[in-house]
């Protein structure tokens, strides 16, 4: 299921190709057009693939609402989520379904590699163990690539109410928490997802304050964290926000995020990073990528990039 709005070229080049190229499965591809005003609606109507079904919202409702419209229209036993700019291995669905059935799981996720707009691998993400996943999710968003990674039982997703439409950036994290509470998870260690980083990623372009959304998520799962004796990793969230600013070369904003995190979470390292990025803003030396590499060293983003052969399908 793919939500999209006004990004036909990206949709055609990435997610639509990825979804329609799945092998060894009988599946449908539901595209939810969230009130596009460009040629997206027309181009989708011109496609004649019987596996493709288009749900059009007359006006923009937001990505969580669009995803829920896709969930309501899905007909299969399993539903997989895919953002319109991301990539899949041709065997992504088959391997995740097999893994979920073998583990008697309600959802599954896979290995992820970050790629640039040319399809070149940048770095890979560490993959959390499905055993004991819920406490880790209550602390931080540990399933990589968000809504382009997870496959879940459609009935379970519907029973949980789908995505929380009060959220925009963190709706996937919230749903994964509820799925992990509802049943087992399964993982595929193979890299089956390509998370494409570019200047139009929602983290970089959505003007809304994600901190308010984080506060909502915090309050929503506060009692569950207390049951599991887990603290929300506010510093990790701050790093994620700062990372987005760095990718847009907004070094001063990144510095402010780090400084605030250092003060609020009492992390001297964040204050030091804030000073470093503020200095880089005043006296730019090198590019953003070396800074990101230093930032992510030792983190979930630090492992050397894997170059799966299937990426060639998108070049």
Protein backbone atom coordinates (compact mmCIF):
# COMPACT_ATOMS: atom_id res chain seq x y z
CA UNK A 1 0.00 0.00 0.00
CA UNK A 2 1.51 3.29 -1.17
CA UNK A 3 0.32 6.78 -0.16
CA UNK A 4 1.37 9.59 -2.48
CA UNK A 5 0.75 13.24 -3.28
CA UNK A 6 2.13 15.28 -6.18
CA UNK A 7 5.20 13.08 -6.70
CA UNK A 8 4.43 11.13 -9.86
CA UNK A 9 7.99 10.88 -11.16
CA UNK A 10 9.24 9.63 -7.81
CA UNK A 11 6.32 7.23 -7.43
CA UNK A 12 6.80 5.78 -10.91
CA UNK A 13 10.57 5.42 -10.58
CA UNK A 14 10.63 3.96 -7.08
CA UNK A 15 7.68 2.56 -5.12
CA UNK A 16 5.36 1.67 -7.99
CA UNK A 17 8.08 -0.27 -9.75
CA UNK A 18 9.09 -1.94 -6.50
CA UNK A 19 5.56 -3.04 -5.64
CA UNK A 20 4.63 -4.28 -9.10
CA UNK A 21 7.92 -6.18 -9.46
CA UNK A 22 7.32 -8.50 -6.49
CA UNK A 23 7.91 -12.15 -7.33
CA UNK A 24 6.50 -15.43 -6.00
CA UNK A 25 3.41 -13.77 -4.49
CA UNK A 26 -0.14 -13.08 -5.62
CA UNK A 27 -0.74 -9.51 -4.59
CA UNK A 28 -2.49 -6.24 -5.27
CA UNK A 29 -0.96 -2.78 -5.17
CA UNK A 30 -3.16 -0.13 -3.57
CA UNK A 31 -2.05 3.43 -4.27
CA UNK A 32 -3.77 6.13 -2.23
CA UNK A 33 -3.66 9.50 -3.98
CA UNK A 34 -3.88 12.06 -1.20
CA UNK A 35 -5.56 14.82 -3.19
CA UNK A 36 -2.80 15.33 -5.77
CA UNK A 37 -3.05 18.47 -7.88
CA UNK A 38 -0.40 17.48 -10.43
CA UNK A 39 -0.66 14.74 -13.08
CA UNK A 40 -0.45 11.87 -10.57
CA UNK A 41 -4.15 11.03 -10.75
CA UNK A 42 -4.20 11.08 -14.56
CA UNK A 43 -1.08 8.95 -14.92
CA UNK A 44 -2.37 6.37 -12.46
CA UNK A 45 -5.63 6.12 -14.45
CA UNK A 46 -3.62 5.45 -17.61
CA UNK A 47 -1.98 2.35 -16.13
CA UNK A 48 -3.64 -0.90 -17.11
CA UNK A 49 -2.08 -3.33 -14.67
CA UNK A 50 -4.89 -5.47 -13.17
CA UNK A 51 -2.97 -5.70 -9.88
CA UNK A 52 -3.14 -1.93 -9.38
CA UNK A 53 -6.02 -0.32 -7.49
CA UNK A 54 -6.16 3.44 -6.93
CA UNK A 55 -7.96 5.10 -4.03
CA UNK A 56 -8.28 8.84 -4.52
CA UNK A 57 -8.96 11.30 -1.71
CA UNK A 58 -10.63 14.46 -3.03
CA UNK A 59 -8.55 16.71 -0.82
CA UNK A 60 -5.32 16.43 1.09
CA UNK A 61 -5.90 14.53 4.32
CA UNK A 62 -2.36 13.71 5.42
CA UNK A 63 -0.24 10.61 5.18
CA UNK A 64 -1.72 8.78 8.18
CA UNK A 65 -5.26 9.22 6.86
CA UNK A 66 -4.12 8.14 3.40
CA UNK A 67 -2.56 5.00 4.83
CA UNK A 68 -5.74 4.23 6.72
CA UNK A 69 -7.72 4.58 3.50
CA UNK A 70 -5.40 2.01 1.97
CA UNK A 71 -5.87 -0.32 4.95
CA UNK A 72 -9.65 -0.03 4.61
CA UNK A 73 -9.46 -1.00 0.93
CA UNK A 74 -6.90 -3.80 1.24
CA UNK A 75 -8.18 -7.26 0.35
CA UNK A 76 -5.25 -9.50 1.24
CA UNK A 77 -4.38 -11.44 4.39
CA UNK A 78 -1.19 -9.40 4.71
CA UNK A 79 -0.58 -5.71 4.14
CA UNK A 80 2.81 -4.14 3.46
CA UNK A 81 3.46 -0.41 3.67
CA UNK A 82 5.68 1.45 1.22
CA UNK A 83 6.47 5.16 0.92
CA UNK A 84 6.40 6.46 -2.64
CA UNK A 85 10.15 7.18 -2.76
CA UNK A 86 11.55 3.91 -1.37
CA UNK A 87 12.69 0.64 -2.95
CA UNK A 88 12.13 -3.09 -2.38
CA UNK A 89 13.91 -6.25 -3.33
CA UNK A 90 11.72 -8.29 -5.74
CA UNK A 91 11.50 -10.97 -3.04
CA UNK A 92 10.70 -8.66 -0.15
CA UNK A 93 7.08 -9.71 0.33
CA UNK A 94 7.72 -13.42 -0.19
CA UNK A 95 10.49 -13.58 2.39
CA UNK A 96 8.64 -11.52 4.96
CA UNK A 97 5.47 -13.59 4.66
CA UNK A 98 7.49 -16.79 5.03
CA UNK A 99 9.31 -15.40 8.08
CA UNK A 100 6.08 -14.23 9.72
CA UNK A 101 4.32 -17.54 9.17
CA UNK A 102 7.26 -19.55 10.44
CA UNK A 103 7.39 -17.48 13.65
CA UNK A 104 3.59 -17.25 13.99
CA UNK A 105 4.10 -13.48 14.00
CA UNK A 106 1.65 -10.66 13.37
CA UNK A 107 4.25 -8.51 11.60
CA UNK A 108 7.70 -8.72 10.05
CA UNK A 109 10.52 -6.38 9.10
CA UNK A 110 13.77 -6.73 7.16
CA UNK A 111 17.26 -5.38 6.68
CA UNK A 112 17.58 -1.89 5.22
CA UNK A 113 20.22 0.01 3.31
CA UNK A 114 20.21 3.77 2.88
CA UNK A 115 20.72 4.85 -0.73
CA UNK A 116 21.15 8.22 -2.39
CA UNK A 117 19.14 9.51 -5.35
CA UNK A 118 21.44 7.63 -7.75
CA UNK A 119 20.77 4.34 -5.98
CA UNK A 120 24.20 4.11 -4.38
CA UNK A 121 24.35 2.48 -0.94
CA UNK A 122 25.35 4.94 1.80
CA UNK A 123 25.07 2.98 5.03
CA UNK A 124 23.07 0.10 6.48
CA UNK A 125 20.96 0.02 9.61
CA UNK A 126 21.26 -2.33 12.54
CA UNK A 127 18.28 -4.66 12.85
CA UNK A 128 16.64 -5.20 16.25
CA UNK A 129 16.04 -8.72 17.50
CA UNK A 130 12.31 -9.51 17.37
CA UNK A 131 12.58 -11.16 20.79
CA UNK A 132 11.92 -8.48 23.38
CA UNK A 133 11.12 -5.89 20.71
CA UNK A 134 8.34 -4.08 22.59
CA UNK A 135 10.53 -2.56 25.34
CA UNK A 136 13.02 -1.35 22.73
CA UNK A 137 10.22 0.24 20.70
CA UNK A 138 8.87 1.94 23.81
CA UNK A 139 12.28 3.55 24.24
CA UNK A 140 13.08 4.43 20.63
CA UNK A 141 12.02 3.92 17.01
CA UNK A 142 14.28 0.95 16.28
CA UNK A 143 12.59 -0.55 13.19
CA UNK A 144 14.48 1.06 10.29
CA UNK A 145 12.91 2.68 7.20
CA UNK A 146 9.58 3.31 8.86
CA UNK A 147 6.58 2.52 6.69
CA UNK A 148 8.60 1.03 3.85
CA UNK A 149 9.71 -1.94 5.89
CA UNK A 150 6.85 -3.56 7.82
CA UNK A 151 4.46 -6.23 6.60
CA UNK A 152 1.59 -7.11 8.95
CA UNK A 153 -1.58 -9.15 9.19
CA UNK A 154 -4.34 -6.95 7.78
CA UNK A 155 -6.89 -8.08 10.35
CA UNK A 156 -4.59 -7.19 13.25
CA UNK A 157 -3.82 -3.74 11.82
CA UNK A 158 -7.54 -3.05 11.46
CA UNK A 159 -8.28 -4.29 14.98
CA UNK A 160 -5.67 -1.82 16.27
CA UNK A 161 -7.34 1.06 14.45
CA UNK A 162 -4.60 1.58 11.88
CA UNK A 163 -2.42 4.67 12.07
CA UNK A 164 -3.03 7.40 14.62
CA UNK A 165 -4.17 10.32 12.46
CA UNK A 166 -3.02 12.83 15.07
CA UNK A 167 0.54 11.91 14.09
CA UNK A 168 2.42 12.64 10.87
CA UNK A 169 6.14 11.89 11.31
CA UNK A 170 5.84 9.32 14.10
CA UNK A 171 2.67 7.45 13.11
CA UNK A 172 4.67 4.41 12.02
CA UNK A 173 6.57 4.19 15.32
CA UNK A 174 3.28 4.38 17.22
CA UNK A 175 1.74 1.55 15.17
CA UNK A 176 4.80 -0.66 15.56
CA UNK A 177 4.49 -0.29 19.36
CA UNK A 178 0.87 -1.41 19.20
CA UNK A 179 1.68 -4.29 16.85
CA UNK A 180 4.49 -5.48 19.14
CA UNK A 181 2.06 -5.44 22.03
CA UNK A 182 -0.53 -7.38 20.00
CA UNK A 183 1.71 -10.30 19.02
CA UNK A 184 5.07 -11.62 17.91
CA UNK A 185 7.40 -9.99 15.41
CA UNK A 186 9.63 -11.68 12.86
CA UNK A 187 12.71 -10.37 11.07
CA UNK A 188 14.53 -11.06 7.83
CA UNK A 189 18.23 -10.30 8.16
CA UNK A 190 18.68 -9.95 4.39
CA UNK A 191 18.64 -6.40 3.06
CA UNK A 192 15.25 -6.17 1.33
CA UNK A 193 14.49 -2.43 1.61
CA UNK A 194 16.19 0.62 0.14
CA UNK A 195 15.53 3.78 2.12
CA UNK A 196 16.08 6.62 -0.35
CA UNK A 197 17.45 9.85 1.11
CA UNK A 198 16.80 13.03 -0.85
CA UNK A 199 15.80 16.62 -0.34
CA UNK A 200 12.07 15.87 -0.44
CA UNK A 201 11.96 13.42 2.48
CA UNK A 202 9.07 14.29 4.80
CA UNK A 203 11.46 14.85 7.72
CA UNK A 204 13.08 17.66 5.74
CA UNK A 205 10.04 19.30 4.16
CA UNK A 206 7.16 19.11 6.65
CA UNK A 207 6.98 22.46 8.48
CA UNK A 208 5.12 21.16 11.54
CA UNK A 209 6.90 20.93 14.87
CA UNK A 210 7.71 17.27 15.41
CA UNK A 211 8.40 17.92 19.09
CA UNK A 212 4.66 18.35 19.74
CA UNK A 213 4.07 15.02 18.05
CA UNK A 214 6.78 13.46 20.19
CA UNK A 215 5.04 14.80 23.30
CA UNK A 216 1.78 13.17 22.16
CA UNK A 217 3.54 9.84 21.62
CA UNK A 218 5.22 10.18 25.01
CA UNK A 219 1.90 10.67 26.81
CA UNK A 220 0.10 8.00 24.81
CA UNK A 221 2.45 5.19 25.86
CA UNK A 222 3.50 6.47 29.28
CA UNK A 223 1.62 3.80 31.24
CA UNK A 224 2.94 1.00 29.02
CA UNK A 225 6.52 2.23 29.53
CA UNK A 226 5.93 2.18 33.28
CA UNK A 227 4.77 -1.44 33.10
CA UNK A 228 7.96 -2.41 31.24
CA UNK A 229 10.18 -0.10 33.32
CA UNK A 230 11.41 1.65 30.16
CA UNK A 231 12.40 5.28 29.71
CA UNK A 232 11.81 7.13 26.46
CA UNK A 233 15.14 7.82 24.74
CA UNK A 234 14.76 11.55 24.23
CA UNK A 235 18.39 11.97 23.20
CA UNK A 236 17.99 9.50 20.33
CA UNK A 237 14.96 11.45 19.12
CA UNK A 238 16.95 14.69 19.29
CA UNK A 239 19.72 13.09 17.20
CA UNK A 240 17.15 12.11 14.57
CA UNK A 241 15.77 15.65 14.34
CA UNK A 242 19.27 17.15 14.20
CA UNK A 243 20.25 14.63 11.52
CA UNK A 244 17.41 15.95 9.36
CA UNK A 245 18.65 19.52 9.75
CA UNK A 246 22.19 18.45 8.86
CA UNK A 247 21.01 16.79 5.66
CA UNK A 248 19.58 20.16 4.61
CA UNK A 249 22.85 21.85 5.70
CA UNK A 250 21.01 23.71 8.46
CA UNK A 251 23.92 23.48 10.86
CA UNK A 252 22.76 26.16 13.28
CA UNK A 253 19.38 24.46 13.70
CA UNK A 254 21.14 21.16 14.27
CA UNK A 255 23.35 22.84 16.85
CA UNK A 256 20.32 24.21 18.69
CA UNK A 257 18.72 20.75 18.78
CA UNK A 258 21.90 19.21 20.16
CA UNK A 259 22.35 21.97 22.72
CA UNK A 260 18.76 21.59 23.93
CA UNK A 261 19.22 17.82 24.15
CA UNK A 262 22.43 18.25 26.11
CA UNK A 263 20.74 20.51 28.64
CA UNK A 264 17.45 18.60 28.93
CA UNK A 265 18.99 15.12 28.94
CA UNK A 266 22.24 16.06 30.69
CA UNK A 267 24.38 14.69 27.89
CA UNK A 268 27.68 16.60 27.60
CA UNK A 269 28.31 14.91 24.23
CA UNK A 270 25.29 16.67 22.76
CA UNK A 271 26.50 20.04 23.97
CA UNK A 272 29.91 19.31 22.43
CA UNK A 273 28.27 18.35 19.14
CA UNK A 274 26.21 21.54 19.23
CA UNK A 275 29.37 23.59 19.59
CA UNK A 276 31.04 21.71 16.77
CA UNK A 277 28.17 22.21 14.36
CA UNK A 278 27.81 25.86 15.31
CA UNK A 279 31.50 26.31 14.49
CA UNK A 280 30.99 24.51 11.17
CA UNK A 281 28.16 26.92 10.40
CA UNK A 282 30.44 29.88 10.99
CA UNK A 283 33.49 28.36 9.30
CA UNK A 284 32.25 25.59 6.98
CA UNK A 285 34.88 22.90 6.54
CA UNK A 286 34.16 19.89 4.32
CA UNK A 287 30.67 18.60 3.67
CA UNK A 288 27.77 17.29 5.67
CA UNK A 289 28.47 13.63 4.94
CA UNK A 290 31.71 13.45 7.00
CA UNK A 291 29.85 15.06 9.89
CA UNK A 292 27.06 12.51 9.57
CA UNK A 293 29.58 9.69 9.51
CA UNK A 294 31.20 10.95 12.71
CA UNK A 295 27.80 11.47 14.30
CA UNK A 296 26.57 7.96 13.45
CA UNK A 297 29.77 6.11 14.35
CA UNK A 298 28.77 3.59 16.99
CA UNK A 299 25.06 4.14 16.39
CA UNK A 300 22.34 2.25 14.52
CA UNK A 301 23.42 3.92 11.28
CA UNK A 302 27.10 3.11 11.54
CA UNK A 303 27.54 -0.31 9.96
CA UNK A 304 29.29 -0.42 6.57
CA UNK A 305 26.95 -0.20 3.59
CA UNK A 306 25.80 -3.38 1.91
CA UNK A 307 25.24 -3.20 -1.84
CA UNK A 308 22.50 -5.71 -2.63
CA UNK A 309 22.45 -6.77 -6.27
CA UNK A 310 18.77 -5.92 -6.64
CA UNK A 311 19.54 -2.18 -6.41
CA UNK A 312 20.66 -2.43 -10.04
CA UNK A 313 16.98 -2.75 -10.99
CA UNK A 314 16.47 0.92 -10.11
CA UNK A 315 19.53 2.45 -11.78
